[in-house]
Structure formats: C-alpha cells, structure tokens
Amino acid sequence: MGMRMTQNMGLPPAADAFLKRECLRALNHECPTCHHKTGGEMVCEVYEDASEQGMFDDGPQLRKYTLNGGSTVKEVVQCTPWDCGPMIYLCLKDDYGNTLFQWPKEETGMEEEE
C-alpha cells in the first residue's frame, strides 16, 4: 500500500505551454551596481486557496494569470479523484467562464467535472 498523501497534479502540459507562450511577463531589470537580473516571470497572483481539497488541508494555491492581450485566465480545480489520497487536477477558465485545457478523462479516471 502506498503512502497516503495529497497529489497536486497541476495543469496539463498543454495549459503550461499556453501560459509560457501567452502570459504577460514582468519587465526585465538589471541592477547597475551588481548586474543581478530580475524580471521575466509570468504575471500572476494567487486568487484562492484550495487547501480544503487536500488530505491535510494541503491543496494548491490557485493563480490568476494576465495574458499578453490584457485578458486573464485562472486555475480552477477540474476534479479530485482518490488514489492513496486526493489527486488534484487543475485546468484553466477564461474571463467568459469557458473551461480550457482540461485533463483527458483517461488520465484522471473521472467521467466529468465535479
């Protein structure tokens, strides 16, 4: 028997690729003194804590991303099947409420969203 624990499955690879391509990035900045470079991170903010989805209140923090065109997408919990603990699958939802980049049901083992 496996160890019981929350498994944060995150976003599917297609959603990660979309965000890498379409998400607004923070401006790059270089310190004139030490030349340390910062910036380039995806512009996002935590908008909700899904800790109650986890086995020990250890579910993920959900993020809202700003896209290059100014619209946003946010992470939402797609489903939480159980296999030695909850497996938390995320997908994206746009400003109009459309669900984007869902995990295939063959991978989640779930027939439809919760």
N, C-alpha and C. Protein backbone atom coordinates (compact mmCIF):
# COMPACT_ATOMS: atom_id res chain seq x y z
N MET A 1 0.84 -1.18 0.00
CA MET A 1 0.00 0.00 0.00
C MET A 1 0.89 1.24 0.00
N GLY A 2 0.50 2.24 -0.81
CA GLY A 2 1.27 3.47 -0.91
C GLY A 2 1.00 4.40 0.26
N MET A 3 1.86 5.38 0.39
CA MET A 3 1.68 6.40 1.42
C MET A 3 0.49 7.28 1.05
N ARG A 4 -0.34 7.56 2.04
CA ARG A 4 -1.49 8.43 1.80
C ARG A 4 -1.04 9.88 1.84
N MET A 5 -1.32 10.61 0.74
CA MET A 5 -0.91 11.99 0.65
C MET A 5 -1.67 12.70 -0.46
N THR A 6 -1.72 14.01 -0.38
CA THR A 6 -2.30 14.82 -1.44
C THR A 6 -1.32 14.86 -2.60
N GLN A 7 -1.85 14.66 -3.79
CA GLN A 7 -1.03 14.72 -5.00
C GLN A 7 -1.53 15.90 -5.85
N ASN A 8 -0.78 16.97 -5.89
CA ASN A 8 -1.14 18.12 -6.70
C ASN A 8 -0.67 17.86 -8.13
N MET A 9 -1.61 17.48 -9.01
CA MET A 9 -1.28 17.11 -10.38
C MET A 9 -1.05 18.34 -11.25
N GLY A 10 -1.58 19.48 -10.83
CA GLY A 10 -1.35 20.72 -11.55
C GLY A 10 -2.11 20.81 -12.86
N LEU A 11 -1.60 21.66 -13.73
CA LEU A 11 -2.20 21.87 -15.05
C LEU A 11 -1.67 20.84 -16.04
N PRO A 12 -2.47 20.52 -17.07
CA PRO A 12 -1.96 19.62 -18.11
C PRO A 12 -0.85 20.31 -18.91
N PRO A 13 0.03 19.54 -19.56
CA PRO A 13 1.14 20.13 -20.32
C PRO A 13 0.70 21.17 -21.34
N ALA A 14 -0.44 20.99 -21.99
CA ALA A 14 -0.91 21.96 -22.99
C ALA A 14 -1.21 23.31 -22.35
N ALA A 15 -1.73 23.31 -21.12
CA ALA A 15 -2.01 24.56 -20.41
C ALA A 15 -0.70 25.26 -20.02
N ASP A 16 0.28 24.48 -19.56
CA ASP A 16 1.58 25.06 -19.23
C ASP A 16 2.21 25.69 -20.46
N ALA A 17 2.13 25.01 -21.60
CA ALA A 17 2.70 25.54 -22.85
C ALA A 17 1.98 26.82 -23.26
N PHE A 18 0.65 26.85 -23.12
CA PHE A 18 -0.14 28.04 -23.44
C PHE A 18 0.31 29.22 -22.58
N LEU A 19 0.45 29.00 -21.27
CA LEU A 19 0.86 30.08 -20.38
C LEU A 19 2.27 30.57 -20.71
N LYS A 20 3.18 29.67 -21.00
CA LYS A 20 4.55 30.08 -21.35
C LYS A 20 4.54 30.95 -22.60
N ARG A 21 3.63 30.67 -23.51
CA ARG A 21 3.55 31.40 -24.78
C ARG A 21 2.75 32.70 -24.66
N GLU A 22 1.66 32.69 -23.88
CA GLU A 22 0.69 33.78 -23.91
C GLU A 22 0.66 34.67 -22.67
N CYS A 23 1.30 34.27 -21.60
CA CYS A 23 1.23 35.04 -20.37
C CYS A 23 2.14 36.26 -20.43
N LEU A 24 1.63 37.38 -19.94
CA LEU A 24 2.40 38.62 -19.82
C LEU A 24 3.57 38.36 -18.88
N ARG A 25 4.71 38.95 -19.20
CA ARG A 25 5.92 38.76 -18.38
C ARG A 25 6.30 40.07 -17.69
N ALA A 26 6.83 39.95 -16.49
CA ALA A 26 7.34 41.12 -15.77
C ALA A 26 8.54 41.69 -16.54
N LEU A 27 8.70 43.00 -16.48
CA LEU A 27 9.81 43.64 -17.17
C LEU A 27 11.14 43.19 -16.59
N ASN A 28 12.12 43.05 -17.46
CA ASN A 28 13.46 42.69 -17.03
C ASN A 28 14.15 43.94 -16.47
N HIS A 29 14.94 43.73 -15.43
CA HIS A 29 15.67 44.82 -14.80
C HIS A 29 17.04 44.30 -14.39
N GLU A 30 18.05 45.11 -14.61
CA GLU A 30 19.39 44.75 -14.19
C GLU A 30 19.91 45.80 -13.22
N CYS A 31 20.42 45.35 -12.08
CA CYS A 31 21.00 46.26 -11.10
C CYS A 31 22.28 46.87 -11.69
N PRO A 32 22.38 48.21 -11.71
CA PRO A 32 23.57 48.84 -12.30
C PRO A 32 24.85 48.57 -11.49
N THR A 33 24.69 48.23 -10.21
CA THR A 33 25.86 48.02 -9.36
C THR A 33 26.39 46.59 -9.46
N CYS A 34 25.49 45.62 -9.22
CA CYS A 34 25.96 44.22 -9.17
C CYS A 34 25.57 43.42 -10.41
N HIS A 35 24.76 44.00 -11.29
CA HIS A 35 24.31 43.38 -12.54
C HIS A 35 23.43 42.16 -12.32
N HIS A 36 22.84 42.06 -11.12
CA HIS A 36 21.86 41.00 -10.86
C HIS A 36 20.62 41.29 -11.71
N LYS A 37 20.13 40.27 -12.41
CA LYS A 37 18.97 40.45 -13.29
C LYS A 37 17.72 39.87 -12.65
N THR A 38 16.63 40.63 -12.73
CA THR A 38 15.33 40.17 -12.25
C THR A 38 14.31 40.42 -13.34
N GLY A 39 13.13 39.84 -13.17
CA GLY A 39 12.06 40.04 -14.14
C GLY A 39 11.91 38.83 -15.04
N GLY A 40 10.96 38.94 -15.96
CA GLY A 40 10.71 37.84 -16.89
C GLY A 40 9.73 36.82 -16.37
N GLU A 41 9.30 36.96 -15.10
CA GLU A 41 8.35 36.00 -14.53
C GLU A 41 6.96 36.23 -15.12
N MET A 42 6.17 35.18 -15.14
CA MET A 42 4.79 35.31 -15.58
C MET A 42 4.03 36.20 -14.60
N VAL A 43 3.21 37.10 -15.13
CA VAL A 43 2.42 38.00 -14.29
C VAL A 43 1.19 37.23 -13.81
N CYS A 44 1.16 36.95 -12.51
CA CYS A 44 0.03 36.21 -11.94
C CYS A 44 -0.10 36.56 -10.46
N GLU A 45 -1.25 36.20 -9.91
CA GLU A 45 -1.49 36.42 -8.49
C GLU A 45 -2.32 35.27 -7.95
N VAL A 46 -2.12 34.95 -6.68
CA VAL A 46 -2.94 33.93 -6.03
C VAL A 46 -4.30 34.55 -5.76
N TYR A 47 -5.36 33.89 -6.23
CA TYR A 47 -6.70 34.46 -6.00
C TYR A 47 -7.54 33.59 -5.07
N GLU A 48 -7.13 32.37 -4.85
CA GLU A 48 -7.89 31.48 -3.97
C GLU A 48 -6.97 30.40 -3.44
N ASP A 49 -7.29 29.93 -2.26
CA ASP A 49 -6.54 28.84 -1.64
C ASP A 49 -7.44 27.61 -1.67
N ALA A 50 -6.99 26.57 -2.35
CA ALA A 50 -7.77 25.33 -2.45
C ALA A 50 -7.28 24.29 -1.45
N SER A 51 -6.79 24.76 -0.30
CA SER A 51 -6.21 23.84 0.68
C SER A 51 -7.21 22.80 1.17
N GLU A 52 -8.52 23.15 1.20
CA GLU A 52 -9.52 22.19 1.69
C GLU A 52 -9.64 20.98 0.76
N GLN A 53 -9.12 21.09 -0.46
CA GLN A 53 -9.15 19.96 -1.39
C GLN A 53 -8.12 18.89 -1.02
N GLY A 54 -7.13 19.26 -0.24
CA GLY A 54 -6.08 18.32 0.12
C GLY A 54 -6.46 17.44 1.29
N MET A 55 -5.70 16.40 1.48
CA MET A 55 -5.96 15.44 2.55
C MET A 55 -5.72 16.07 3.91
N PHE A 56 -4.71 16.91 4.01
CA PHE A 56 -4.35 17.56 5.26
C PHE A 56 -4.40 19.08 5.10
N ASP A 57 -5.45 19.57 4.43
CA ASP A 57 -5.56 20.99 4.11
C ASP A 57 -4.30 21.49 3.40
N ASP A 58 -3.81 20.68 2.46
CA ASP A 58 -2.57 21.00 1.77
C ASP A 58 -2.76 21.06 0.25
N GLY A 59 -3.94 21.48 -0.15
CA GLY A 59 -4.18 21.65 -1.58
C GLY A 59 -3.46 22.89 -2.12
N PRO A 60 -3.51 23.09 -3.43
CA PRO A 60 -2.74 24.15 -4.05
C PRO A 60 -3.35 25.54 -3.89
N GLN A 61 -2.51 26.54 -4.02
CA GLN A 61 -2.98 27.91 -4.16
C GLN A 61 -3.29 28.09 -5.65
N LEU A 62 -4.44 28.67 -5.96
CA LEU A 62 -4.86 28.85 -7.34
C LEU A 62 -4.44 30.23 -7.82
N ARG A 63 -3.94 30.29 -9.04
CA ARG A 63 -3.40 31.54 -9.59
C ARG A 63 -4.25 32.08 -10.74
N LYS A 64 -4.24 33.38 -10.87
CA LYS A 64 -4.89 34.08 -11.97
C LYS A 64 -3.77 34.74 -12.78
N TYR A 65 -3.72 34.44 -14.08
CA TYR A 65 -2.65 34.91 -14.96
C TYR A 65 -3.16 36.01 -15.88
N THR A 66 -2.35 37.04 -16.09
CA THR A 66 -2.66 38.09 -17.06
C THR A 66 -1.99 37.73 -18.38
N LEU A 67 -2.79 37.72 -19.45
CA LEU A 67 -2.28 37.36 -20.77
C LEU A 67 -1.79 38.60 -21.51
N ASN A 68 -1.05 38.38 -22.58
CA ASN A 68 -0.46 39.47 -23.36
C ASN A 68 -1.50 40.48 -23.83
N GLY A 69 -2.70 40.06 -24.17
CA GLY A 69 -3.72 40.98 -24.65
C GLY A 69 -4.48 41.71 -23.55
N GLY A 70 -4.18 41.41 -22.27
CA GLY A 70 -4.84 42.06 -21.16
C GLY A 70 -5.94 41.24 -20.52
N SER A 71 -6.41 40.17 -21.18
CA SER A 71 -7.41 39.31 -20.56
C SER A 71 -6.72 38.42 -19.52
N THR A 72 -7.52 37.66 -18.78
CA THR A 72 -6.96 36.79 -17.76
C THR A 72 -7.50 35.37 -17.90
N VAL A 73 -6.77 34.44 -17.36
CA VAL A 73 -7.22 33.06 -17.16
C VAL A 73 -6.86 32.69 -15.74
N LYS A 74 -7.67 31.82 -15.13
CA LYS A 74 -7.36 31.41 -13.77
C LYS A 74 -7.39 29.90 -13.66
N GLU A 75 -6.58 29.39 -12.74
CA GLU A 75 -6.57 27.96 -12.45
C GLU A 75 -7.82 27.63 -11.65
N VAL A 76 -8.46 26.52 -11.99
CA VAL A 76 -9.60 26.01 -11.22
C VAL A 76 -9.39 24.51 -11.04
N VAL A 77 -10.00 23.96 -10.00
CA VAL A 77 -9.92 22.52 -9.76
C VAL A 77 -10.86 21.84 -10.73
N GLN A 78 -10.31 20.96 -11.57
CA GLN A 78 -11.12 20.20 -12.54
C GLN A 78 -11.77 19.01 -11.84
N CYS A 79 -10.97 18.25 -11.10
CA CYS A 79 -11.52 17.09 -10.39
C CYS A 79 -10.51 16.63 -9.35
N THR A 80 -10.98 15.81 -8.41
CA THR A 80 -10.10 15.29 -7.35
C THR A 80 -10.38 13.81 -7.12
N PRO A 81 -9.98 12.94 -8.06
CA PRO A 81 -10.13 11.51 -7.80
C PRO A 81 -9.19 11.09 -6.66
N TRP A 82 -9.41 9.90 -6.14
CA TRP A 82 -8.66 9.41 -4.99
C TRP A 82 -7.79 8.22 -5.40
N ASP A 83 -6.49 8.30 -5.03
CA ASP A 83 -5.57 7.18 -5.20
C ASP A 83 -4.51 7.34 -4.13
N CYS A 84 -4.69 6.70 -3.00
CA CYS A 84 -3.83 6.86 -1.81
C CYS A 84 -3.85 8.31 -1.34
N GLY A 85 -4.93 9.01 -1.61
CA GLY A 85 -5.09 10.41 -1.26
C GLY A 85 -5.66 11.15 -2.45
N PRO A 86 -6.11 12.37 -2.24
CA PRO A 86 -6.70 13.12 -3.35
C PRO A 86 -5.65 13.50 -4.39
N MET A 87 -6.04 13.36 -5.65
CA MET A 87 -5.21 13.79 -6.78
C MET A 87 -5.91 15.02 -7.36
N ILE A 88 -5.31 16.19 -7.20
CA ILE A 88 -5.96 17.44 -7.56
C ILE A 88 -5.50 17.87 -8.96
N TYR A 89 -6.43 17.76 -9.92
CA TYR A 89 -6.17 18.14 -11.30
C TYR A 89 -6.72 19.55 -11.53
N LEU A 90 -5.90 20.41 -12.13
CA LEU A 90 -6.30 21.77 -12.43
C LEU A 90 -6.49 21.96 -13.93
N CYS A 91 -7.31 22.92 -14.28
CA CYS A 91 -7.43 23.37 -15.66
C CYS A 91 -7.58 24.89 -15.61
N LEU A 92 -7.77 25.53 -16.74
CA LEU A 92 -7.90 26.98 -16.78
C LEU A 92 -9.32 27.39 -17.12
N LYS A 93 -9.71 28.57 -16.68
CA LYS A 93 -11.01 29.17 -17.01
C LYS A 93 -10.74 30.60 -17.45
N ASP A 94 -11.36 31.01 -18.58
CA ASP A 94 -11.13 32.36 -19.08
C ASP A 94 -12.11 33.37 -18.49
N ASP A 95 -11.99 34.62 -18.91
CA ASP A 95 -12.84 35.70 -18.39
C ASP A 95 -14.32 35.48 -18.67
N TYR A 96 -14.64 34.66 -19.67
CA TYR A 96 -16.04 34.43 -20.05
C TYR A 96 -16.61 33.17 -19.41
N GLY A 97 -15.82 32.50 -18.57
CA GLY A 97 -16.29 31.29 -17.91
C GLY A 97 -16.06 30.02 -18.70
N ASN A 98 -15.35 30.11 -19.83
CA ASN A 98 -15.05 28.93 -20.65
C ASN A 98 -13.93 28.14 -19.99
N THR A 99 -14.09 26.83 -19.90
CA THR A 99 -13.06 25.96 -19.35
C THR A 99 -12.10 25.58 -20.46
N LEU A 100 -10.81 25.75 -20.19
CA LEU A 100 -9.76 25.50 -21.17
C LEU A 100 -8.78 24.46 -20.66
N PHE A 101 -8.26 23.66 -21.57
CA PHE A 101 -7.16 22.74 -21.27
C PHE A 101 -7.48 21.78 -20.13
N GLN A 102 -8.59 21.05 -20.24
CA GLN A 102 -8.91 20.04 -19.23
C GLN A 102 -8.04 18.80 -19.43
N TRP A 103 -7.75 18.13 -18.34
CA TRP A 103 -7.09 16.84 -18.40
C TRP A 103 -8.04 15.86 -19.08
N PRO A 104 -7.53 14.97 -19.93
CA PRO A 104 -8.40 13.94 -20.52
C PRO A 104 -8.91 12.99 -19.44
N LYS A 105 -10.17 12.54 -19.60
CA LYS A 105 -10.76 11.66 -18.57
C LYS A 105 -9.98 10.35 -18.45
N GLU A 106 -9.28 9.94 -19.51
CA GLU A 106 -8.47 8.71 -19.42
C GLU A 106 -7.35 8.87 -18.39
N GLU A 107 -6.85 10.09 -18.25
CA GLU A 107 -5.76 10.33 -17.29
C GLU A 107 -6.28 10.55 -15.87
N THR A 108 -7.44 11.16 -15.73
CA THR A 108 -7.96 11.44 -14.40
C THR A 108 -8.79 10.29 -13.84
N GLY A 109 -9.34 9.46 -14.72
CA GLY A 109 -10.22 8.38 -14.29
C GLY A 109 -11.61 8.86 -13.95
N MET A 110 -11.89 10.13 -14.19
CA MET A 110 -13.19 10.72 -13.88
C MET A 110 -13.98 10.90 -15.16
N GLU A 111 -15.28 10.70 -15.09
CA GLU A 111 -16.14 10.86 -16.26
C GLU A 111 -16.40 12.31 -16.61
N GLU A 112 -16.63 13.16 -15.58
CA GLU A 112 -16.93 14.57 -15.84
C GLU A 112 -16.46 15.40 -14.66
N GLU A 113 -16.55 16.71 -14.81
CA GLU A 113 -16.12 17.62 -13.75
C GLU A 113 -16.94 17.41 -12.49
N GLU A 114 -16.31 17.73 -11.37
CA GLU A 114 -17.01 17.69 -10.08
C GLU A 114 -17.76 18.98 -9.90
